[in-house]
C-alpha atoms as a PDB file:
ATOM      1  CA  MET A   1       0.000   0.000   0.000  1.00  0.00           C
ATOM      2  CA  PRO A   2       1.521   3.373  -0.973  1.00  0.00           C
ATOM      3  CA  ARG A   3       2.433   5.740   1.866  1.00  0.00           C
ATOM      4  CA  ALA A   4       0.488   8.967   2.254  1.00  0.00           C
ATOM      5  CA  PRO A   5       2.393  12.059   1.142  1.00  0.00           C
ATOM      6  CA  THR A   6       3.917  14.237   3.821  1.00  0.00           C
ATOM      7  CA  GLU A   7       2.633  17.732   4.515  1.00  0.00           C
ATOM      8  CA  ASP A   8       5.693  19.243   2.811  1.00  0.00           C
ATOM      9  CA  GLN A   9       4.947  17.153  -0.303  1.00  0.00           C
ATOM     10  CA  GLU A  10       1.333  18.349  -0.218  1.00  0.00           C
ATOM     11  CA  GLN A  11       2.420  21.973  -0.086  1.00  0.00           C
ATOM     12  CA  GLU A  12       4.870  21.415  -2.965  1.00  0.00           C
ATOM     13  CA  VAL A  13       2.159  19.835  -5.130  1.00  0.00           C
ATOM     14  CA  GLU A  14      -0.381  22.534  -4.280  1.00  0.00           C
ATOM     15  CA  SER A  15       2.169  25.235  -5.076  1.00  0.00           C
ATOM     16  CA  ALA A  16       2.826  23.729  -8.483  1.00  0.00           C
ATOM     17  CA  LEU A  17      -0.879  23.395  -9.301  1.00  0.00           C
ATOM     18  CA  LEU A  18      -1.620  26.955  -8.306  1.00  0.00           C
ATOM     19  CA  ARG A  19       0.782  28.352 -10.896  1.00  0.00           C
ATOM     20  CA  PHE A  20      -1.964  28.838 -13.422  1.00  0.00           C
ATOM     21  CA  TRP A  21       0.426  30.401 -15.950  1.00  0.00           C
ATOM     22  CA  THR A  22       2.436  27.195 -16.262  1.00  0.00           C
ATOM     23  CA  PRO A  23       1.459  24.036 -18.175  1.00  0.00           C
ATOM     24  CA  ARG A  24       0.036  21.309 -15.926  1.00  0.00           C
ATOM     25  CA  ASP A  25       1.927  18.052 -15.963  1.00  0.00           C
ATOM     26  CA  PRO A  26      -0.400  15.010 -15.883  1.00  0.00           C
ATOM     27  CA  ALA A  27       1.861  13.350 -13.327  1.00  0.00           C
ATOM     28  CA  THR A  28       1.594  16.370 -11.060  1.00  0.00           C
ATOM     29  CA  ILE A  29      -2.189  16.358 -11.335  1.00  0.00           C
ATOM     30  CA  ALA A  30      -2.219  12.664 -10.514  1.00  0.00           C
ATOM     31  CA  ALA A  31      -0.049  13.238  -7.459  1.00  0.00           C
ATOM     32  CA  PHE A  32      -2.388  15.991  -6.309  1.00  0.00           C
ATOM     33  CA  LEU A  33      -5.458  13.817  -6.749  1.00  0.00           C
ATOM     34  CA  SER A  34      -3.783  11.051  -4.754  1.00  0.00           C
ATOM     35  CA  THR A  35      -4.000  13.303  -1.716  1.00  0.00           C
ATOM     36  CA  ARG A  36      -7.773  13.431  -1.784  1.00  0.00           C
ATOM     37  CA  VAL A  37      -7.813  11.254   1.372  1.00  0.00           C
ATOM     38  CA  TYR A  38      -5.052  13.169   3.184  1.00  0.00           C
ATOM     39  CA  GLN A  39      -6.185  16.636   2.237  1.00  0.00           C
ATOM     40  CA  PRO A  40      -9.444  16.568   4.255  1.00  0.00           C
ATOM     41  CA  GLN A  41      -7.367  15.811   7.373  1.00  0.00           C
ATOM     42  CA  SER A  42      -5.341  18.961   6.757  1.00  0.00           C
ATOM     43  CA  LEU A  43      -8.509  20.974   6.352  1.00  0.00           C
ATOM     44  CA  VAL A  44      -9.921  19.593   9.598  1.00  0.00           C
ATOM     45  CA  TRP A  45      -6.726  20.539  11.419  1.00  0.00           C
ATOM     46  CA  LEU A  46      -6.845  24.072   9.998  1.00  0.00           C
ATOM     47  CA  GLU A  47     -10.457  24.367  11.143  1.00  0.00           C
ATOM     48  CA  GLY A  48      -9.268  23.559  14.657  1.00  0.00           C
ATOM     49  CA  LEU A  49      -6.509  26.157  14.453  1.00  0.00           C
ATOM     50  CA  ASP A  50      -8.970  28.780  13.234  1.00  0.00           C
ATOM     51  CA  ALA A  51     -11.318  27.846  16.088  1.00  0.00           C
ATOM     52  CA  LEU A  52      -8.468  28.261  18.584  1.00  0.00           C
ATOM     53  CA  ARG A  53      -7.690  31.708  17.211  1.00  0.00           C
ATOM     54  CA  ALA A  54     -11.381  32.643  17.323  1.00  0.00           C
ATOM     55  CA  TRP A  55     -11.684  31.466  20.928  1.00  0.00           C
ATOM     56  CA  ARG A  56      -8.629  33.445  22.056  1.00  0.00           C
ATOM     57  CA  ALA A  57      -9.862  36.548  20.239  1.00  0.00           C
ATOM     58  CA  LYS A  58     -13.324  36.227  21.762  1.00  0.00           C
ATOM     59  CA  HIS A  59     -11.910  36.087  25.286  1.00  0.00           C
ATOM     60  CA  HIS A  60      -9.241  38.746  24.650  1.00  0.00           C
ATOM     61  CA  ILE A  61      -6.473  36.327  25.616  1.00  0.00           C
ATOM     62  CA  ALA A  62      -2.847  37.059  24.857  1.00  0.00           C
ATOM     63  CA  GLY A  63       0.190  35.121  25.969  1.00  0.00           C
ATOM     64  CA  LEU A  64       0.562  31.627  27.370  1.00  0.00           C
ATOM     65  CA  TYR A  65      -2.842  30.286  28.272  1.00  0.00           C
ATOM     66  CA  ALA A  66      -4.301  26.810  28.794  1.00  0.00           C
ATOM     67  CA  VAL A  67      -7.583  26.318  26.978  1.00  0.00           C
ATOM     68  CA  PRO A  68     -10.066  24.482  29.246  1.00  0.00           C
ATOM     69  CA  TYR A  69     -10.957  21.012  28.002  1.00  0.00           C
ATOM     70  CA  ASP A  70     -14.653  21.884  27.745  1.00  0.00           C
ATOM     71  CA  ALA A  71     -14.075  25.189  25.913  1.00  0.00           C
ATOM     72  CA  GLU A  72     -16.226  25.734  22.826  1.00  0.00           C
ATOM     73  CA  VAL A  73     -16.531  28.506  20.256  1.00  0.00           C
ATOM     74  CA  GLN A  74     -19.097  29.361  17.647  1.00  0.00           C
ATOM     75  CA  VAL A  75     -17.715  28.900  14.140  1.00  0.00           C
ATOM     76  CA  GLY A  76     -20.261  29.812  11.509  1.00  0.00           C
ATOM     77  CA  TYR A  77     -23.438  27.925  12.368  1.00  0.00           C
ATOM     78  CA  THR A  78     -21.730  25.237  14.448  1.00  0.00           C
ATOM     79  CA  THR A  79     -20.162  25.027  17.898  1.00  0.00           C
ATOM     80  CA  TYR A  80     -16.584  23.814  17.700  1.00  0.00           C
ATOM     81  CA  PRO A  81     -15.083  21.829  20.661  1.00  0.00           C
ATOM     82  CA  VAL A  82     -11.822  23.777  20.674  1.00  0.00           C
ATOM     83  CA  GLY A  83     -10.818  22.494  24.124  1.00  0.00           C
ATOM     84  CA  ARG A  84     -10.901  18.862  23.040  1.00  0.00           C
ATOM     85  CA  TRP A  85      -9.047  19.759  19.841  1.00  0.00           C
ATOM     86  CA  VAL A  86      -6.258  21.414  21.831  1.00  0.00           C
ATOM     87  CA  ALA A  87      -6.045  18.387  24.143  1.00  0.00           C
ATOM     88  CA  GLN A  88      -5.655  16.141  21.102  1.00  0.00           C
ATOM     89  CA  GLN A  89      -2.811  18.277  19.759  1.00  0.00           C
ATOM     90  CA  ARG A  90      -1.075  18.047  23.111  1.00  0.00           C
ATOM     91  CA  ARG A  91      -1.347  14.256  23.129  1.00  0.00           C
ATOM     92  CA  THR A  92      -0.034  14.090  19.549  1.00  0.00           C
ATOM     93  CA  TYR A  93       2.917  16.263  20.523  1.00  0.00           C
ATOM     94  CA  ARG A  94       3.789  14.044  23.502  1.00  0.00           C
ATOM     95  CA  THR A  95       3.846  10.933  21.329  1.00  0.00           C
ATOM     96  CA  GLY A  96       6.151  12.697  18.859  1.00  0.00           C
ATOM     97  CA  ASP A  97       3.625  12.523  15.983  1.00  0.00           C
ATOM     98  CA  LEU A  98       2.921  16.245  15.631  1.00  0.00           C
ATOM     99  CA  HIS A  99       4.350  17.652  12.393  1.00  0.00           C
ATOM    100  CA  PRO A 100       6.952  20.402  12.951  1.00  0.00           C
ATOM    101  CA  HIS A 101       4.961  22.818  10.760  1.00  0.00           C
ATOM    102  CA  ARG A 102       1.891  22.388  12.938  1.00  0.00           C
ATOM    103  CA  PHE A 103       4.010  22.673  16.094  1.00  0.00           C
ATOM    104  CA  LYS A 104       5.278  26.069  14.901  1.00  0.00           C
ATOM    105  CA  GLN A 105       1.758  27.269  14.192  1.00  0.00           C
ATOM    106  CA  LEU A 106       0.579  26.224  17.661  1.00  0.00           C
ATOM    107  CA  GLU A 107       3.624  27.799  19.263  1.00  0.00           C
ATOM    108  CA  ALA A 108       2.639  31.057  17.575  1.00  0.00           C
ATOM    109  CA  GLU A 109      -0.708  30.744  19.404  1.00  0.00           C
ATOM    110  CA  GLU A 110       1.070  30.400  22.788  1.00  0.00           C
ATOM    111  CA  MET A 111       0.228  26.709  23.148  1.00  0.00           C
ATOM    112  CA  VAL A 112       0.670  25.160  26.600  1.00  0.00           C
ATOM    113  CA  TRP A 113       2.487  21.849  26.201  1.00  0.00           C
ATOM    114  CA  GLU A 114       3.686  20.713  29.625  1.00  0.00           C
ATOM    115  CA  PRO A 115       1.279  19.049  32.083  1.00  0.00           C
ATOM    116  CA  GLY A 116       2.487  21.244  34.964  1.00  0.00           C
ATOM    117  CA  ASP A 117       2.005  24.389  32.931  1.00  0.00           C
ATOM    118  CA  GLU A 118      -1.369  23.111  31.815  1.00  0.00           C
ATOM    119  CA  THR A 119      -2.526  22.642  35.420  1.00  0.00           C
ATOM    120  CA  TRP A 120      -1.220  26.066  36.369  1.00  0.00           C
ATOM    121  CA  GLU A 121      -2.916  27.729  33.428  1.00  0.00           C
ATOM    122  CA  THR A 122      -6.179  25.997  34.327  1.00  0.00           C
ATOM    123  CA  LYS A 123      -5.918  27.527  37.808  1.00  0.00           C
ATOM    124  CA  LEU A 124      -5.117  30.926  36.340  1.00  0.00           C
ATOM    125  CA  ALA A 125      -8.128  30.687  34.043  1.00  0.00           C
ATOM    126  CA  ALA A 126     -10.404  29.952  37.009  1.00  0.00           C
ATOM    127  CA  LEU A 127      -8.873  32.794  39.049  1.00  0.00           C
ATOM    128  CA  ARG A 128      -9.323  35.246  36.171  1.00  0.00           C
ATOM    129  CA  SER A 129     -12.953  34.248  35.831  1.00  0.00           C
ATOM    130  CA  TYR A 130     -13.573  34.534  39.584  1.00  0.00           C
ATOM    131  CA  HIS A 131     -11.920  37.946  39.733  1.00  0.00           C
ATOM    132  CA  GLN A 132     -14.010  39.200  36.825  1.00  0.00           C
ATOM    133  CA  ALA A 133     -17.149  38.092  38.668  1.00  0.00           C
ATOM    134  CA  HIS A 134     -16.215  39.236  42.201  1.00  0.00           C
ATOM    135  CA  GLY A 135     -13.480  41.858  41.889  1.00  0.00           C
ATOM    136  CA  HIS A 136     -11.053  40.182  44.296  1.00  0.00           C
ATOM    137  CA  LEU A 137      -8.937  37.084  44.915  1.00  0.00           C
ATOM    138  CA  ALA A 138      -9.926  36.621  48.557  1.00  0.00           C
ATOM    139  CA  PRO A 139     -12.450  33.780  48.373  1.00  0.00           C
ATOM    140  CA  ARG A 140     -13.321  31.590  51.314  1.00  0.00           C
ATOM    141  CA  GLN A 141     -11.074  28.585  51.739  1.00  0.00           C
ATOM    142  CA  ASN A 142     -13.803  26.189  50.577  1.00  0.00           C
ATOM    143  CA  GLN A 143     -14.641  28.236  47.459  1.00  0.00           C
ATOM    144  CA  THR A 144     -14.806  26.306  44.166  1.00  0.00           C
ATOM    145  CA  TRP A 145     -14.973  28.042  40.786  1.00  0.00           C
ATOM    146  CA  LEU A 146     -15.152  26.351  37.369  1.00  0.00           C
ATOM    147  CA  ASP A 147     -14.502  23.028  39.112  1.00  0.00           C
ATOM    148  CA  VAL A 148     -11.232  24.412  40.531  1.00  0.00           C
ATOM    149  CA  ARG A 149     -10.738  24.632  44.315  1.00  0.00           C
ATOM    150  CA  ILE A 150      -9.520  28.206  44.128  1.00  0.00           C
ATOM    151  CA  GLY A 151      -9.924  28.877  47.856  1.00  0.00           C
ATOM    152  CA  MET A 152      -7.579  26.073  48.868  1.00  0.00           C
ATOM    153  CA  ASP A 153      -5.279  26.771  45.908  1.00  0.00           C
ATOM    154  CA  LEU A 154      -4.794  30.406  46.945  1.00  0.00           C
ATOM    155  CA  THR A 155      -4.185  29.386  50.548  1.00  0.00           C
ATOM    156  CA  ASN A 156      -1.422  27.069  49.379  1.00  0.00           C
ATOM    157  CA  LEU A 157       0.023  29.617  46.938  1.00  0.00           C
ATOM    158  CA  ARG A 158       0.384  32.209  49.722  1.00  0.00           C
ATOM    159  CA  ARG A 159       2.524  29.862  51.800  1.00  0.00           C
ATOM    160  CA  ALA A 160       6.324  29.758  51.694  1.00  0.00           C
ATOM    161  CA  ASP A 161       7.407  28.081  48.442  1.00  0.00           C
ATOM    162  CA  GLY A 162       3.751  27.926  47.440  1.00  0.00           C
ATOM    163  CA  LEU A 163       4.677  29.111  43.938  1.00  0.00           C
ATOM    164  CA  GLY A 164       7.378  26.462  43.580  1.00  0.00           C
ATOM    165  CA  LYS A 165      10.994  26.227  44.609  1.00  0.00           C
ATOM    166  CA  ASP A 166      12.271  27.375  41.192  1.00  0.00           C
ATOM    167  CA  PRO A 167      12.848  31.145  41.676  1.00  0.00           C
ATOM    168  CA  ASP A 168      12.264  32.037  38.025  1.00  0.00           C
ATOM    169  CA  ARG A 169       9.036  30.070  37.821  1.00  0.00           C
ATOM    170  CA  ALA A 170       7.882  31.441  41.183  1.00  0.00           C
ATOM    171  CA  ASN A 171       8.517  35.026  40.079  1.00  0.00           C
ATOM    172  CA  THR A 172       6.702  34.434  36.807  1.00  0.00           C
ATOM    173  CA  ARG A 173       3.686  32.970  38.534  1.00  0.00           C
ATOM    174  CA  ALA A 174       3.627  35.744  41.139  1.00  0.00           C
ATOM    175  CA  ALA A 175       3.613  38.300  38.316  1.00  0.00           C
ATOM    176  CA  GLN A 176       0.748  36.460  36.599  1.00  0.00           C
ATOM    177  CA  LEU A 177      -1.294  36.496  39.809  1.00  0.00           C
ATOM    178  CA  ALA A 178      -0.491  40.164  40.449  1.00  0.00           C
ATOM    179  CA  GLU A 179      -1.685  40.948  36.928  1.00  0.00           C
ATOM    180  CA  ILE A 180      -5.077  39.542  37.901  1.00  0.00           C
ATOM    181  CA  ASP A 181      -5.170  41.204  41.339  1.00  0.00           C
ATOM    182  CA  ALA A 182      -2.307  43.102  42.951  1.00  0.00           C
ATOM    183  CA  ASP A 183      -3.696  42.053  46.355  1.00  0.00           C
ATOM    184  CA  TRP A 184      -3.825  38.324  45.572  1.00  0.00           C
ATOM    185  CA  ASN A 185      -1.397  37.585  48.421  1.00  0.00           C
ATOM    186  CA  CYS A 186      -3.668  39.414  50.887  1.00  0.00           C
ATOM    187  CA  PRO A 187      -1.276  41.441  53.043  1.00  0.00           C
ATOM    188  CA  ARG A 188      -4.359  41.771  55.201  1.00  0.00           C
ATOM    189  CA  ARG A 189      -6.674  38.942  56.216  1.00  0.00           C
ATOM    190  CA  PRO A 190      -8.663  37.485  53.266  1.00  0.00           C
ATOM    191  CA  ASN A 191     -11.946  38.224  55.072  1.00  0.00           C
ATOM    192  CA  TRP A 192     -11.000  41.886  55.379  1.00  0.00           C
ATOM    193  CA  GLN A 193      -9.851  42.009  51.749  1.00  0.00           C
ATOM    194  CA  ARG A 194     -13.105  40.448  50.530  1.00  0.00           C
ATOM    195  CA  HIS A 195     -15.219  42.890  52.559  1.00  0.00           C
ATOM    196  CA  TYR A 196     -13.173  45.865  51.345  1.00  0.00           C
ATOM    197  CA  ALA A 197     -13.550  44.791  47.697  1.00  0.00           C
ATOM    198  CA  VAL A 198     -17.345  44.686  48.046  1.00  0.00           C
ATOM    199  CA  LEU A 199     -17.422  48.161  49.626  1.00  0.00           C
ATOM    200  CA  ARG A 200     -15.083  49.470  46.911  1.00  0.00           C
ATOM    201  CA  ASP A 201     -17.325  48.121  44.136  1.00  0.00           C
ATOM    202  CA  LEU A 202     -20.433  49.598  45.777  1.00  0.00           C
ATOM    203  CA  THR A 203     -18.723  52.981  46.029  1.00  0.00           C
ATOM    204  CA  GLN A 204     -17.638  52.883  42.378  1.00  0.00           C
ATOM    205  CA  ALA A 205     -21.135  51.857  41.249  1.00  0.00           C
ATOM    206  CA  ASP A 206     -22.986  54.631  43.132  1.00  0.00           C
ATOM    207  CA  GLY A 207     -20.274  57.277  43.244  1.00  0.00           C
ATOM    208  CA  HIS A 208     -20.383  57.097  47.039  1.00  0.00           C
ATOM    209  CA  LEU A 209     -20.735  54.468  49.711  1.00  0.00           C
ATOM    210  CA  PRO A 210     -24.443  53.853  50.373  1.00  0.00           C
ATOM    211  CA  ASP A 211     -25.857  53.528  53.861  1.00  0.00           C
ATOM    212  CA  ILE A 212     -25.458  49.926  54.933  1.00  0.00           C
ATOM    213  CA  ALA A 213     -27.292  48.849  58.046  1.00  0.00           C
ATOM    214  CA  PRO A 214     -26.423  45.763  60.092  1.00  0.00           C
ATOM    215  CA  ASP A 215     -27.951  42.513  58.776  1.00  0.00           C
ATOM    216  CA  VAL A 216     -27.457  43.661  55.154  1.00  0.00           C
ATOM    217  CA  THR A 217     -25.613  40.666  53.735  1.00  0.00           C
ATOM    218  CA  PHE A 218     -23.797  39.927  50.490  1.00  0.00           C
ATOM    219  CA  ASP A 219     -22.303  36.579  49.542  1.00  0.00           C
ATOM    220  CA  GLY A 220     -22.673  35.406  53.118  1.00  0.00           C
ATOM    221  CA  ASP A 221     -21.007  38.461  54.701  1.00  0.00           C
ATOM    222  CA  ASP A 222     -22.909  40.840  56.982  1.00  0.00           C
ATOM    223  CA  LEU A 223     -21.699  44.070  55.371  1.00  0.00           C
ATOM    224  CA  GLY A 224     -23.361  46.431  57.831  1.00  0.00           C
ATOM    225  CA  ARG A 225     -22.123  44.687  60.940  1.00  0.00           C
ATOM    226  CA  ARG A 226     -18.580  44.402  59.610  1.00  0.00           C
ATOM    227  CA  LEU A 227     -18.593  48.058  58.547  1.00  0.00           C
ATOM    228  CA  THR A 228     -19.736  49.135  62.008  1.00  0.00           C
ATOM    229  CA  GLN A 229     -16.973  47.044  63.539  1.00  0.00           C
ATOM    230  CA  GLN A 230     -14.371  48.620  61.218  1.00  0.00           C
ATOM    231  CA  ARG A 231     -15.423  52.101  62.347  1.00  0.00           C
ATOM    232  CA  SER A 232     -15.412  51.256  66.046  1.00  0.00           C
ATOM    233  CA  ASP A 233     -12.088  49.344  65.843  1.00  0.00           C
ATOM    234  CA  TRP A 234     -10.407  52.012  63.696  1.00  0.00           C
ATOM    235  CA  HIS A 235      -7.420  52.234  66.043  1.00  0.00           C
ATOM    236  CA  LYS A 236      -6.744  48.526  65.505  1.00  0.00           C
ATOM    237  CA  LEU A 237      -6.409  48.896  61.712  1.00  0.00           C
ATOM    238  CA  SER A 238      -3.101  49.416  59.958  1.00  0.00           C
ATOM    239  CA  THR A 239      -2.338  52.776  58.375  1.00  0.00           C
ATOM    240  CA  GLU A 240      -2.872  51.300  54.900  1.00  0.00           C
ATOM    241  CA  GLN A 241      -6.257  49.899  55.886  1.00  0.00           C
ATOM    242  CA  GLN A 242      -7.307  53.274  57.286  1.00  0.00           C
ATOM    243  CA  VAL A 243      -6.209  55.007  54.077  1.00  0.00           C
ATOM    244  CA  ARG A 244      -8.079  52.539  51.876  1.00  0.00           C
ATOM    245  CA  LEU A 245     -11.274  52.846  53.864  1.00  0.00           C
ATOM    246  CA  GLY A 246     -10.863  56.613  54.049  1.00  0.00           C
ATOM    247  CA  ASP A 247     -10.686  56.756  50.246  1.00  0.00           C
ATOM    248  CA  LEU A 248     -14.146  55.179  50.235  1.00  0.00           C
ATOM    249  CA  GLY A 249     -15.463  57.873  52.571  1.00  0.00           C
ATOM    250  CA  ILE A 250     -15.409  55.658  55.653  1.00  0.00           C
ATOM    251  CA  GLN A 251     -14.434  57.436  58.859  1.00  0.00           C
ATOM    252  CA  PRO A 252     -13.882  56.175  62.404  1.00  0.00           C
ATOM    253  CA  ALA A 253     -16.833  56.197  64.775  1.00  0.00           C
ATOM    254  CA  PRO A 254     -16.975  59.341  66.959  1.00  0.00           C
ATOM    255  CA  PRO A 255     -15.681  58.795  70.485  1.00  0.00           C
ATOM    256  CA  GLN A 256     -18.442  57.940  72.912  1.00  0.00           C
ATOM    257  CA  ALA A 257     -19.129  60.345  75.770  1.00  0.00           C
ATOM    258  CA  ALA A 258     -17.905  59.020  79.076  1.00  0.00           C
ATOM    259  CA  LYS A 259     -20.738  57.547  81.093  1.00  0.00           C
ATOM    260  CA  PRO A 260     -21.305  59.199  84.498  1.00  0.00           C
ATOM    261  CA  ALA A 261     -19.915  57.124  87.315  1.00  0.00           C
ATOM    262  CA  ARG A 262     -22.530  55.163  89.144  1.00  0.00           C
ATOM    263  CA  PRO A 263     -22.926  56.312  92.737  1.00  0.00           C
ATOM    264  CA  THR A 264     -21.257  53.863  95.034  1.00  0.00           C
ATOM    265  CA  ALA A 265     -23.214  52.549  97.919  1.00  0.00           C
ATOM    266  CA  ALA A 266     -22.166  53.818 101.316  1.00  0.00           C
ATOM    267  CA  ALA A 267     -19.825  51.468 103.076  1.00  0.00           C
ATOM    268  CA  VAL A 268     -21.649  49.373 105.660  1.00  0.00           C
ATOM    269  CA  PRO A 269     -20.018  49.900 109.057  1.00  0.00           C
ATOM    270  CA  THR A 270     -18.685  46.816 110.734  1.00  0.00           C
ATOM    271  CA  ALA A 271     -20.049  45.566 114.057  1.00  0.00           C
ATOM    272  CA  PHE A 272     -16.987  46.998 115.813  1.00  0.00           C
ATOM    273  CA  GLU A 273     -17.558  50.418 114.187  1.00  0.00           C
ATOM    274  CA  ARG A 274     -21.193  50.402 115.254  1.00  0.00           C
ATOM    275  CA  GLY A 275     -20.221  49.444 118.793  1.00  0.00           C
ATOM    276  CA  ILE A 276     -17.580  52.182 119.071  1.00  0.00           C
ATOM    277  CA  ALA A 277     -20.057  54.811 117.742  1.00  0.00           C
ATOM    278  CA  ALA A 278     -22.758  53.690 120.177  1.00  0.00           C
ATOM    279  CA  LEU A 279     -20.334  53.577 123.139  1.00  0.00           C
ATOM    280  CA  THR A 280     -18.989  57.046 122.320  1.00  0.00           C
ATOM    281  CA  GLN A 281     -22.535  58.428 122.157  1.00  0.00           C
ATOM    282  CA  TYR A 282     -23.567  56.702 125.419  1.00  0.00           C
ATOM    283  CA  ILE A 283     -20.540  57.934 127.388  1.00  0.00           C
ATOM    284  CA  GLY A 284     -21.039  61.464 126.039  1.00  0.00           C
ATOM    285  CA  ARG A 285     -24.654  61.447 127.172  1.00  0.00           C
ATOM    286  CA  GLU A 286     -24.473  59.485 130.442  1.00  0.00           C
ATOM    287  CA  GLY A 287     -20.907  60.323 131.482  1.00  0.00           C
ATOM    288  CA  SER A 288     -20.422  56.692 132.566  1.00  0.00           C
ATOM    289  CA  HIS A 289     -18.825  53.548 131.224  1.00  0.00           C
ATOM    290  CA  ALA A 290     -21.250  51.285 133.050  1.00  0.00           C
ATOM    291  CA  VAL A 291     -23.655  50.057 130.426  1.00  0.00           C
ATOM    292  CA  PRO A 292     -26.484  47.727 131.503  1.00  0.00           C
ATOM    293  CA  ARG A 293     -26.248  44.362 129.690  1.00  0.00           C
ATOM    294  CA  GLY A 294     -29.672  44.692 128.136  1.00  0.00           C
ATOM    295  CA  HIS A 295     -29.266  48.313 126.990  1.00  0.00           C
ATOM    296  CA  ILE A 296     -29.872  49.111 123.297  1.00  0.00           C
ATOM    297  CA  GLU A 297     -28.303  52.322 121.997  1.00  0.00           C
ATOM    298  CA  PRO A 298     -29.734  53.786 118.740  1.00  0.00           C
ATOM    299  CA  VAL A 299     -26.994  55.505 116.697  1.00  0.00           C
ATOM    300  CA  THR A 300     -26.898  57.110 113.212  1.00  0.00           C
ATOM    301  CA  ILE A 301     -23.870  56.359 110.992  1.00  0.00           C
ATOM    302  CA  GLY A 302     -23.620  57.733 107.443  1.00  0.00           C
ATOM    303  CA  GLY A 303     -27.274  58.778 107.516  1.00  0.00           C
ATOM    304  CA  GLN A 304     -28.426  55.300 108.465  1.00  0.00           C
ATOM    305  CA  GLU A 305     -29.773  54.480 111.901  1.00  0.00           C
ATOM    306  CA  HIS A 306     -28.587  51.388 113.762  1.00  0.00           C
ATOM    307  CA  ALA A 307     -29.884  49.837 116.965  1.00  0.00           C
ATOM    308  CA  VAL A 308     -26.794  48.561 118.788  1.00  0.00           C
ATOM    309  CA  LYS A 309     -27.137  46.127 121.695  1.00  0.00           C
ATOM    310  CA  LEU A 310     -24.430  48.014 123.477  1.00  0.00           C
ATOM    311  CA  GLY A 311     -24.367  45.989 126.749  1.00  0.00           C
ATOM    312  CA  VAL A 312     -24.008  42.678 124.925  1.00  0.00           C
ATOM    313  CA  TRP A 313     -21.423  44.178 122.528  1.00  0.00           C
ATOM    314  CA  MET A 314     -19.230  45.378 125.403  1.00  0.00           C
ATOM    315  CA  SER A 315     -19.353  42.002 127.104  1.00  0.00           C
ATOM    316  CA  ASN A 316     -18.502  40.096 123.933  1.00  0.00           C
ATOM    317  CA  THR A 317     -15.741  42.530 122.955  1.00  0.00           C
ATOM    318  CA  LYS A 318     -14.109  42.246 126.353  1.00  0.00           C
ATOM    319  CA  SER A 319     -14.166  38.452 126.254  1.00  0.00           C
ATOM    320  CA  ARG A 320     -12.588  38.441 122.752  1.00  0.00           C
ATOM    321  CA  ARG A 321     -10.064  41.209 123.424  1.00  0.00           C
ATOM    322  CA  ALA A 322      -7.168  38.842 122.685  1.00  0.00           C
ATOM    323  CA  LYS A 323      -8.315  38.657 119.064  1.00  0.00           C
ATOM    324  CA  LEU A 324      -8.622  42.459 118.588  1.00  0.00           C
ATOM    325  CA  SER A 325      -6.097  44.425 116.596  1.00  0.00           C
ATOM    326  CA  GLY A 326      -3.828  46.974 118.178  1.00  0.00           C
ATOM    327  CA  GLU A 327      -5.797  49.810 116.578  1.00  0.00           C
ATOM    328  CA  GLN A 328      -9.072  48.481 117.921  1.00  0.00           C
ATOM    329  CA  LEU A 329      -7.644  48.137 121.428  1.00  0.00           C
ATOM    330  CA  ALA A 330      -6.274  51.680 121.220  1.00  0.00           C
ATOM    331  CA  ARG A 331      -9.685  53.092 120.340  1.00  0.00           C
ATOM    332  CA  LEU A 332     -11.305  51.276 123.281  1.00  0.00           C
ATOM    333  CA  ALA A 333      -8.570  52.562 125.588  1.00  0.00           C
ATOM    334  CA  GLU A 334      -9.270  56.133 124.482  1.00  0.00           C
ATOM    335  CA  LEU A 335     -12.870  55.712 125.642  1.00  0.00           C
ATOM    336  CA  GLY A 336     -11.644  54.654 129.115  1.00  0.00           C
ATOM    337  CA  MET A 337     -11.856  50.880 128.784  1.00  0.00           C
ATOM    338  CA  GLY A 338      -9.113  49.878 131.245  1.00  0.00           C
ATOM    339  CA  TRP A 339      -9.232  46.231 130.187  1.00  0.00           C
ATOM    340  CA  ALA A 340      -8.165  47.287 126.676  1.00  0.00           C
END
C-alpha cells in the first residue's frame, strides 16, 4: 500500500498546481489527486486552528494560556469543541507525531504543552474568571470556581514556596497572579480584603458608599455589621487599611461620651464600728462607762440608723479582746476601757 504524502509534499504539489500560468503536468495532477484522502485531514486541522484563534480573540487572551478542556466557540453555524481539539494536539505532541509545521503554528498561538504548565494555566483561568465576577482574589477557603478549588489553591500559593521552589518560575507565577489582582497575596486577612472589595465596588457603582445597616448581607457576609466594627475598631487597623477605607469615605466612629460614674453605695459599718459609735454616744450622754447588759443604743452612721445592743457588745468585745487588733484596742482605751 503506498504511503500517504507528507505535509511538505502536499504543499509542494499545491504550489505547483496553483501556478496557473504554467502548463500542468499530468503526473503532477495525478499526485495531487492522490491526496484526496489526506487533504481533508489537513482541512480539519486548519479548522481547529482557526477555532483556537477565534476562541482566544473572543476572550481577549494574549500570551501563554491553557484552553479548558470543555471550551467551545461558535464557528459559523456550528459550535466547535476547541478544548478537546487542543487536548488532542497536546497528546499528539507528547507521542512525537505532531508535524513540525503544525508545532510552529501552535507555538505562535502560545500553546501550553507541559502538564504542569497546563494545570497552572487551568488555575489561572479559574482565578481570572472569579476575579471578573467578584473583583477580588480573597475567596473563602472552601470556594470552588469552574470546578477548581480556588480557595484552597490560593491558601497554598500564599505559603512559603507555594509558587514552587524554582525562583524564576515562582517570580513568573507571582507576576501572573499580580496581573489579575495586585492584592492576591492578601497582606491583610482574606476576610478583610473580601469585605473591602465589596465596599469598593459599591462605592464605584454609586459614586459614594451607600448607607449599609447591620444585617445587610452579600455573599454570606454581613456588610453592615462588619462596617460598624471597622469604624469602632479604627485604632486597631493598619495605616494602609485606614487610608483605603478613608478613600471610600469611611471614617472612624466618633468617640463615645464618658458615662457618668454610678454612685457607690455607702460602706456598711462593721459591728466593731457600730459598737464604738454607740459607746462614744452613750458615754457622752451618760458620762459613765457602766452600760447595763440589756441596753440598746440607737446611733446614726452615714445617715443610716442602727440599733446597737451596746451591753451585749461590750461584754462580747471584752471576752474576745485577745483577738482584737492593736488599733481596735487603742480606740477602746481612748474611751476609758481599762481592760483594753
